[in-house]
């Protein structure tokens, strides 16, 4: 597996890595600054294929490009905008709009520390209704 990209690294002669935001089974997500758009913050999603044999890497690249095309076509106010996709050496990247906010884990932790109780059923239903609108 490819190593994490270090802060200060420039990707695609444009995106300056600030920090790692998270990682999962198929990749990593970084906060980057777009040096060609006045340092605008963006999210750089790196797809890390589990196997880097030439044949499988080409298949992953094809699937990745197809996924990028689908993301490009999505236009919804609750989904971060697709900005670009790029490859660099064996690495595959998607760039999306950065939305500053808190994760559900952070919201729950704050709620429990401040009010000493979980979210009510009504609050959860309201969130679900907002989330479901994305599927329209």
N, C-alpha and C. Protein backbone atom coordinates (compact mmCIF):
# COMPACT_ATOMS: atom_id res chain seq x y z
N UNK A 1 0.85 -1.19 0.00
CA UNK A 1 0.00 0.00 0.00
C UNK A 1 0.89 1.24 0.00
N UNK A 2 0.47 2.23 -0.74
CA UNK A 2 1.22 3.48 -0.82
C UNK A 2 1.18 4.23 0.50
N UNK A 3 2.27 4.90 0.82
CA UNK A 3 2.37 5.66 2.07
C UNK A 3 1.47 6.90 2.02
N UNK A 4 1.09 7.37 3.21
CA UNK A 4 0.33 8.62 3.30
C UNK A 4 1.15 9.75 2.70
N UNK A 5 0.45 10.73 2.15
CA UNK A 5 1.12 11.90 1.58
C UNK A 5 1.36 12.89 2.71
N UNK A 6 2.54 13.41 2.77
CA UNK A 6 2.94 14.30 3.86
C UNK A 6 2.47 15.74 3.63
N UNK A 7 2.12 16.45 4.71
CA UNK A 7 1.78 17.87 4.58
C UNK A 7 2.90 18.63 3.88
N UNK A 8 2.51 19.59 3.04
CA UNK A 8 3.48 20.37 2.29
C UNK A 8 3.74 19.82 0.89
N UNK A 9 3.22 18.61 0.60
CA UNK A 9 3.39 18.01 -0.73
C UNK A 9 2.43 18.67 -1.70
N UNK A 10 2.89 18.93 -2.91
CA UNK A 10 2.05 19.51 -3.96
C UNK A 10 1.61 18.40 -4.90
N UNK A 11 0.32 18.24 -5.09
CA UNK A 11 -0.24 17.21 -5.95
C UNK A 11 -0.76 17.87 -7.22
N UNK A 12 -0.40 17.30 -8.36
CA UNK A 12 -0.89 17.81 -9.63
C UNK A 12 -0.47 19.24 -9.90
N UNK A 13 0.66 19.65 -9.36
CA UNK A 13 1.17 21.02 -9.53
C UNK A 13 0.15 22.06 -9.09
N UNK A 14 -0.76 21.66 -8.17
CA UNK A 14 -1.85 22.57 -7.82
C UNK A 14 -2.34 22.46 -6.38
N UNK A 15 -2.49 21.24 -5.86
CA UNK A 15 -3.14 21.03 -4.57
C UNK A 15 -2.09 20.78 -3.49
N UNK A 16 -2.02 21.69 -2.53
CA UNK A 16 -1.04 21.62 -1.46
C UNK A 16 -1.64 20.90 -0.26
N UNK A 17 -1.04 19.77 0.12
CA UNK A 17 -1.55 18.97 1.23
C UNK A 17 -1.37 19.74 2.53
N UNK A 18 -2.48 19.88 3.28
CA UNK A 18 -2.42 20.50 4.60
C UNK A 18 -2.39 19.44 5.69
N UNK A 19 -3.39 18.51 5.65
CA UNK A 19 -3.42 17.46 6.67
C UNK A 19 -4.32 16.32 6.22
N UNK A 20 -4.13 15.18 6.85
CA UNK A 20 -4.97 14.02 6.63
C UNK A 20 -6.26 14.21 7.43
N UNK A 21 -7.41 14.09 6.76
CA UNK A 21 -8.70 14.21 7.45
C UNK A 21 -9.21 12.86 7.93
N UNK A 22 -8.92 11.82 7.17
CA UNK A 22 -9.39 10.50 7.55
C UNK A 22 -8.92 9.45 6.57
N UNK A 23 -9.14 8.19 6.95
CA UNK A 23 -8.79 7.09 6.05
C UNK A 23 -9.73 5.93 6.29
N UNK A 24 -9.90 5.13 5.24
CA UNK A 24 -10.78 3.98 5.30
C UNK A 24 -10.20 2.84 4.51
N UNK A 25 -11.03 1.86 4.21
CA UNK A 25 -10.58 0.67 3.52
C UNK A 25 -10.08 0.89 2.12
N UNK A 26 -10.59 1.92 1.43
CA UNK A 26 -10.22 2.13 0.04
C UNK A 26 -9.46 3.42 -0.21
N UNK A 27 -9.14 4.16 0.83
CA UNK A 27 -8.39 5.37 0.55
C UNK A 27 -8.24 6.30 1.73
N UNK A 28 -7.77 7.49 1.38
CA UNK A 28 -7.51 8.53 2.38
C UNK A 28 -8.12 9.84 1.89
N UNK A 29 -8.43 10.71 2.85
CA UNK A 29 -8.99 12.01 2.53
C UNK A 29 -8.12 13.08 3.18
N UNK A 30 -7.75 14.07 2.37
CA UNK A 30 -6.85 15.13 2.83
C UNK A 30 -7.53 16.50 2.69
N UNK A 31 -7.19 17.40 3.58
CA UNK A 31 -7.52 18.81 3.41
C UNK A 31 -6.37 19.40 2.61
N UNK A 32 -6.70 20.03 1.48
CA UNK A 32 -5.67 20.64 0.63
C UNK A 32 -6.06 22.08 0.32
N UNK A 33 -5.08 22.81 -0.18
CA UNK A 33 -5.34 24.18 -0.64
C UNK A 33 -5.04 24.25 -2.12
N UNK A 34 -5.98 24.81 -2.88
CA UNK A 34 -5.84 24.95 -4.32
C UNK A 34 -4.99 26.18 -4.61
N UNK A 35 -3.76 25.97 -5.02
CA UNK A 35 -2.83 27.09 -5.25
C UNK A 35 -3.19 27.91 -6.47
N UNK A 36 -4.09 27.40 -7.32
CA UNK A 36 -4.51 28.16 -8.50
C UNK A 36 -5.84 28.88 -8.28
N UNK A 37 -6.37 28.76 -7.07
CA UNK A 37 -7.62 29.46 -6.72
C UNK A 37 -7.46 30.17 -5.38
N UNK A 38 -6.36 30.88 -5.25
CA UNK A 38 -6.11 31.74 -4.09
C UNK A 38 -6.10 30.97 -2.76
N UNK A 39 -5.64 29.72 -2.80
CA UNK A 39 -5.55 28.94 -1.58
C UNK A 39 -6.87 28.41 -1.05
N UNK A 40 -7.86 28.32 -1.92
CA UNK A 40 -9.18 27.82 -1.51
C UNK A 40 -9.05 26.40 -0.94
N UNK A 41 -9.64 26.13 0.23
CA UNK A 41 -9.58 24.78 0.78
C UNK A 41 -10.45 23.82 -0.04
N UNK A 42 -9.95 22.62 -0.24
CA UNK A 42 -10.66 21.56 -0.95
C UNK A 42 -10.40 20.24 -0.23
N UNK A 43 -11.14 19.23 -0.62
CA UNK A 43 -10.91 17.88 -0.13
C UNK A 43 -10.32 17.07 -1.27
N UNK A 44 -9.23 16.41 -0.99
CA UNK A 44 -8.57 15.52 -1.96
C UNK A 44 -8.78 14.10 -1.47
N UNK A 45 -9.53 13.32 -2.25
CA UNK A 45 -9.77 11.93 -1.89
C UNK A 45 -8.83 11.06 -2.72
N UNK A 46 -8.01 10.31 -2.03
CA UNK A 46 -7.06 9.42 -2.69
C UNK A 46 -7.60 8.00 -2.64
N UNK A 47 -7.78 7.40 -3.81
CA UNK A 47 -8.18 6.01 -3.87
C UNK A 47 -6.92 5.17 -3.85
N UNK A 48 -6.83 4.27 -2.88
CA UNK A 48 -5.64 3.43 -2.71
C UNK A 48 -6.02 1.99 -3.04
N UNK A 49 -5.73 1.54 -4.26
CA UNK A 49 -6.06 0.16 -4.63
C UNK A 49 -5.33 -0.83 -3.73
N UNK A 50 -6.02 -1.92 -3.35
CA UNK A 50 -5.37 -2.89 -2.47
C UNK A 50 -4.28 -3.70 -3.16
N UNK A 51 -4.31 -3.76 -4.48
CA UNK A 51 -3.32 -4.53 -5.23
C UNK A 51 -2.80 -3.65 -6.35
N UNK A 52 -1.51 -3.56 -6.51
CA UNK A 52 -0.96 -2.65 -7.51
C UNK A 52 -0.35 -3.39 -8.70
N UNK A 53 -0.82 -4.61 -9.00
CA UNK A 53 -0.36 -5.27 -10.22
C UNK A 53 -0.83 -4.44 -11.41
N UNK A 54 -0.10 -4.49 -12.49
CA UNK A 54 -0.40 -3.66 -13.67
C UNK A 54 -1.82 -3.88 -14.17
N UNK A 55 -2.23 -5.14 -14.29
CA UNK A 55 -3.56 -5.45 -14.82
C UNK A 55 -4.66 -4.91 -13.91
N UNK A 56 -4.53 -5.15 -12.61
CA UNK A 56 -5.55 -4.67 -11.68
C UNK A 56 -5.53 -3.16 -11.54
N UNK A 57 -4.36 -2.56 -11.59
CA UNK A 57 -4.28 -1.11 -11.50
C UNK A 57 -5.02 -0.45 -12.67
N UNK A 58 -4.90 -1.01 -13.87
CA UNK A 58 -5.62 -0.49 -15.03
C UNK A 58 -7.13 -0.63 -14.85
N UNK A 59 -7.56 -1.75 -14.29
CA UNK A 59 -8.99 -1.95 -14.03
C UNK A 59 -9.49 -0.94 -13.00
N UNK A 60 -8.74 -0.76 -11.92
CA UNK A 60 -9.10 0.22 -10.90
C UNK A 60 -9.18 1.62 -11.51
N UNK A 61 -8.23 1.94 -12.37
CA UNK A 61 -8.21 3.26 -13.00
C UNK A 61 -9.46 3.48 -13.85
N UNK A 62 -9.87 2.46 -14.61
CA UNK A 62 -11.09 2.57 -15.42
C UNK A 62 -12.32 2.78 -14.54
N UNK A 63 -12.43 1.99 -13.48
CA UNK A 63 -13.56 2.15 -12.56
C UNK A 63 -13.55 3.51 -11.88
N UNK A 64 -12.37 3.97 -11.53
CA UNK A 64 -12.21 5.27 -10.90
C UNK A 64 -12.68 6.39 -11.84
N UNK A 65 -12.27 6.32 -13.11
CA UNK A 65 -12.68 7.34 -14.08
C UNK A 65 -14.19 7.34 -14.27
N UNK A 66 -14.79 6.15 -14.29
CA UNK A 66 -16.24 6.07 -14.42
C UNK A 66 -16.94 6.72 -13.22
N UNK A 67 -16.41 6.44 -12.03
CA UNK A 67 -16.96 7.03 -10.80
C UNK A 67 -16.82 8.55 -10.82
N UNK A 68 -15.69 9.05 -11.29
CA UNK A 68 -15.47 10.49 -11.38
C UNK A 68 -16.50 11.13 -12.31
N UNK A 69 -16.82 10.47 -13.41
CA UNK A 69 -17.81 11.01 -14.35
C UNK A 69 -19.19 11.08 -13.71
N UNK A 70 -19.54 10.08 -12.92
CA UNK A 70 -20.83 10.09 -12.21
C UNK A 70 -20.87 11.24 -11.21
N UNK A 71 -19.81 11.39 -10.42
CA UNK A 71 -19.76 12.48 -9.44
C UNK A 71 -19.85 13.85 -10.11
N UNK A 72 -19.23 13.98 -11.27
CA UNK A 72 -19.25 15.24 -12.02
C UNK A 72 -20.68 15.64 -12.38
N UNK A 73 -21.53 14.65 -12.62
CA UNK A 73 -22.90 14.93 -13.05
C UNK A 73 -23.84 15.24 -11.89
N UNK A 74 -23.43 14.96 -10.67
CA UNK A 74 -24.30 15.21 -9.51
C UNK A 74 -24.24 16.69 -9.14
N UNK A 75 -25.42 17.29 -9.01
CA UNK A 75 -25.50 18.68 -8.60
C UNK A 75 -26.60 18.80 -7.55
N UNK A 76 -26.20 18.75 -6.29
CA UNK A 76 -27.16 18.80 -5.19
C UNK A 76 -26.56 19.66 -4.08
N UNK A 77 -27.37 20.54 -3.48
CA UNK A 77 -26.83 21.46 -2.46
C UNK A 77 -26.28 20.76 -1.21
N UNK A 78 -26.66 19.50 -0.97
CA UNK A 78 -26.19 18.80 0.22
C UNK A 78 -25.05 17.82 -0.07
N UNK A 79 -24.54 17.86 -1.28
CA UNK A 79 -23.42 17.00 -1.66
C UNK A 79 -22.27 17.90 -2.10
N UNK A 80 -21.08 17.69 -1.55
CA UNK A 80 -19.94 18.53 -1.96
C UNK A 80 -19.73 18.47 -3.47
N UNK A 81 -19.47 19.63 -4.06
CA UNK A 81 -19.29 19.72 -5.51
C UNK A 81 -18.01 19.00 -5.94
N UNK A 82 -18.13 18.30 -7.05
CA UNK A 82 -16.98 17.67 -7.69
C UNK A 82 -16.20 18.77 -8.39
N UNK A 83 -14.89 18.82 -8.17
CA UNK A 83 -14.07 19.87 -8.79
C UNK A 83 -13.12 19.32 -9.85
N UNK A 84 -12.54 18.15 -9.61
CA UNK A 84 -11.57 17.61 -10.57
C UNK A 84 -11.24 16.16 -10.21
N UNK A 85 -10.61 15.49 -11.14
CA UNK A 85 -10.00 14.20 -10.85
C UNK A 85 -8.64 14.20 -11.52
N UNK A 86 -7.71 13.48 -10.93
CA UNK A 86 -6.38 13.42 -11.50
C UNK A 86 -5.67 12.15 -11.05
N UNK A 87 -4.65 11.82 -11.80
CA UNK A 87 -3.79 10.70 -11.43
C UNK A 87 -2.37 11.22 -11.36
N UNK A 88 -1.62 10.64 -10.46
CA UNK A 88 -0.20 11.00 -10.34
C UNK A 88 0.54 9.74 -9.95
N UNK A 89 1.38 9.27 -10.87
CA UNK A 89 2.08 8.00 -10.71
C UNK A 89 1.03 6.91 -10.51
N UNK A 90 1.07 6.17 -9.42
CA UNK A 90 0.09 5.11 -9.18
C UNK A 90 -1.11 5.61 -8.38
N UNK A 91 -1.16 6.89 -8.08
CA UNK A 91 -2.20 7.44 -7.21
C UNK A 91 -3.36 8.00 -8.03
N UNK A 92 -4.58 7.78 -7.51
CA UNK A 92 -5.80 8.25 -8.15
C UNK A 92 -6.50 9.20 -7.18
N UNK A 93 -6.90 10.38 -7.67
CA UNK A 93 -7.47 11.40 -6.79
C UNK A 93 -8.76 11.99 -7.35
N UNK A 94 -9.66 12.34 -6.44
CA UNK A 94 -10.84 13.15 -6.74
C UNK A 94 -10.75 14.38 -5.84
N UNK A 95 -11.04 15.55 -6.41
CA UNK A 95 -11.04 16.79 -5.65
C UNK A 95 -12.49 17.25 -5.52
N UNK A 96 -12.90 17.54 -4.29
CA UNK A 96 -14.25 18.03 -4.04
C UNK A 96 -14.21 19.27 -3.17
N UNK A 97 -15.33 19.97 -3.20
CA UNK A 97 -15.53 21.14 -2.36
C UNK A 97 -15.34 20.75 -0.89
N UNK A 98 -14.70 21.62 -0.13
CA UNK A 98 -14.53 21.40 1.31
C UNK A 98 -15.68 22.08 2.03
N UNK A 99 -16.35 21.34 2.89
CA UNK A 99 -17.42 21.90 3.70
C UNK A 99 -16.99 21.79 5.15
N UNK A 100 -16.80 22.92 5.78
CA UNK A 100 -16.36 22.95 7.17
C UNK A 100 -17.54 22.61 8.06
N UNK A 101 -17.34 21.69 8.94
CA UNK A 101 -18.42 21.31 9.85
C UNK A 101 -17.95 20.25 10.81
N UNK A 102 -18.92 19.71 11.53
CA UNK A 102 -18.61 18.68 12.53
C UNK A 102 -19.18 17.34 12.07
N UNK A 103 -18.54 16.27 12.48
CA UNK A 103 -19.03 14.93 12.19
C UNK A 103 -20.14 14.58 13.17
N UNK A 104 -20.87 13.52 12.84
CA UNK A 104 -21.91 13.06 13.77
C UNK A 104 -21.30 12.69 15.11
N UNK A 105 -20.14 12.05 15.09
CA UNK A 105 -19.47 11.68 16.35
C UNK A 105 -19.19 12.91 17.21
N UNK A 106 -18.75 13.99 16.56
CA UNK A 106 -18.48 15.23 17.30
C UNK A 106 -19.78 15.82 17.85
N UNK A 107 -20.83 15.82 17.04
CA UNK A 107 -22.12 16.34 17.50
C UNK A 107 -22.64 15.56 18.70
N UNK A 108 -22.55 14.24 18.62
CA UNK A 108 -23.03 13.40 19.71
C UNK A 108 -22.20 13.61 20.98
N UNK A 109 -20.89 13.68 20.83
CA UNK A 109 -20.02 13.90 21.99
C UNK A 109 -20.34 15.25 22.65
N UNK A 110 -20.51 16.29 21.82
CA UNK A 110 -20.85 17.61 22.36
C UNK A 110 -22.20 17.59 23.07
N UNK A 111 -23.16 16.91 22.46
CA UNK A 111 -24.50 16.84 23.03
C UNK A 111 -24.46 16.14 24.40
N UNK A 112 -23.76 15.02 24.46
CA UNK A 112 -23.69 14.27 25.72
C UNK A 112 -22.95 15.03 26.80
N UNK A 113 -21.93 15.79 26.42
CA UNK A 113 -21.18 16.54 27.43
C UNK A 113 -21.96 17.78 27.90
N UNK A 114 -22.78 18.36 27.03
CA UNK A 114 -23.51 19.58 27.39
C UNK A 114 -24.87 19.29 28.02
N UNK A 115 -25.61 18.35 27.44
CA UNK A 115 -26.97 18.11 27.92
C UNK A 115 -27.15 16.77 28.63
N UNK A 116 -26.12 15.97 28.64
CA UNK A 116 -26.13 14.68 29.34
C UNK A 116 -27.22 13.73 28.86
N UNK A 117 -27.67 13.90 27.61
CA UNK A 117 -28.67 12.98 27.06
C UNK A 117 -28.48 12.90 25.54
N UNK A 118 -28.86 11.78 24.95
CA UNK A 118 -28.72 11.64 23.50
C UNK A 118 -29.77 12.49 22.77
N UNK A 119 -29.70 12.49 21.46
CA UNK A 119 -30.67 13.23 20.66
C UNK A 119 -32.04 12.57 20.78
N UNK A 120 -33.07 13.40 20.72
CA UNK A 120 -34.44 12.87 20.81
C UNK A 120 -34.83 12.21 19.49
N UNK A 121 -35.87 11.42 19.56
CA UNK A 121 -36.38 10.77 18.35
C UNK A 121 -36.77 11.81 17.30
N UNK A 122 -37.40 12.89 17.72
CA UNK A 122 -37.82 13.95 16.79
C UNK A 122 -36.61 14.58 16.09
N UNK A 123 -35.53 14.79 16.84
CA UNK A 123 -34.32 15.36 16.24
C UNK A 123 -33.72 14.41 15.20
N UNK A 124 -33.68 13.13 15.53
CA UNK A 124 -33.13 12.14 14.61
C UNK A 124 -33.99 12.04 13.36
N UNK A 125 -35.29 12.06 13.52
CA UNK A 125 -36.20 12.01 12.36
C UNK A 125 -35.97 13.22 11.47
N UNK A 126 -35.80 14.39 12.05
CA UNK A 126 -35.55 15.59 11.26
C UNK A 126 -34.26 15.45 10.45
N UNK A 127 -33.21 14.94 11.07
CA UNK A 127 -31.95 14.73 10.34
C UNK A 127 -32.13 13.74 9.20
N UNK A 128 -32.86 12.65 9.48
CA UNK A 128 -33.08 11.65 8.44
C UNK A 128 -33.85 12.23 7.26
N UNK A 129 -34.84 13.07 7.54
CA UNK A 129 -35.59 13.70 6.45
C UNK A 129 -34.67 14.58 5.60
N UNK A 130 -33.76 15.29 6.25
CA UNK A 130 -32.80 16.12 5.51
C UNK A 130 -31.85 15.26 4.69
N UNK A 131 -31.40 14.16 5.27
CA UNK A 131 -30.50 13.26 4.55
C UNK A 131 -31.19 12.58 3.38
N UNK A 132 -32.44 12.18 3.57
CA UNK A 132 -33.17 11.49 2.51
C UNK A 132 -33.41 12.37 1.29
N UNK A 133 -33.46 13.67 1.49
CA UNK A 133 -33.68 14.56 0.34
C UNK A 133 -32.54 14.44 -0.68
N UNK A 134 -31.39 13.99 -0.24
CA UNK A 134 -30.26 13.79 -1.15
C UNK A 134 -30.57 12.70 -2.16
N UNK A 135 -31.40 11.74 -1.78
CA UNK A 135 -31.70 10.61 -2.66
C UNK A 135 -32.75 10.93 -3.71
N UNK A 136 -33.39 12.06 -3.63
CA UNK A 136 -34.41 12.45 -4.63
C UNK A 136 -33.84 12.51 -6.02
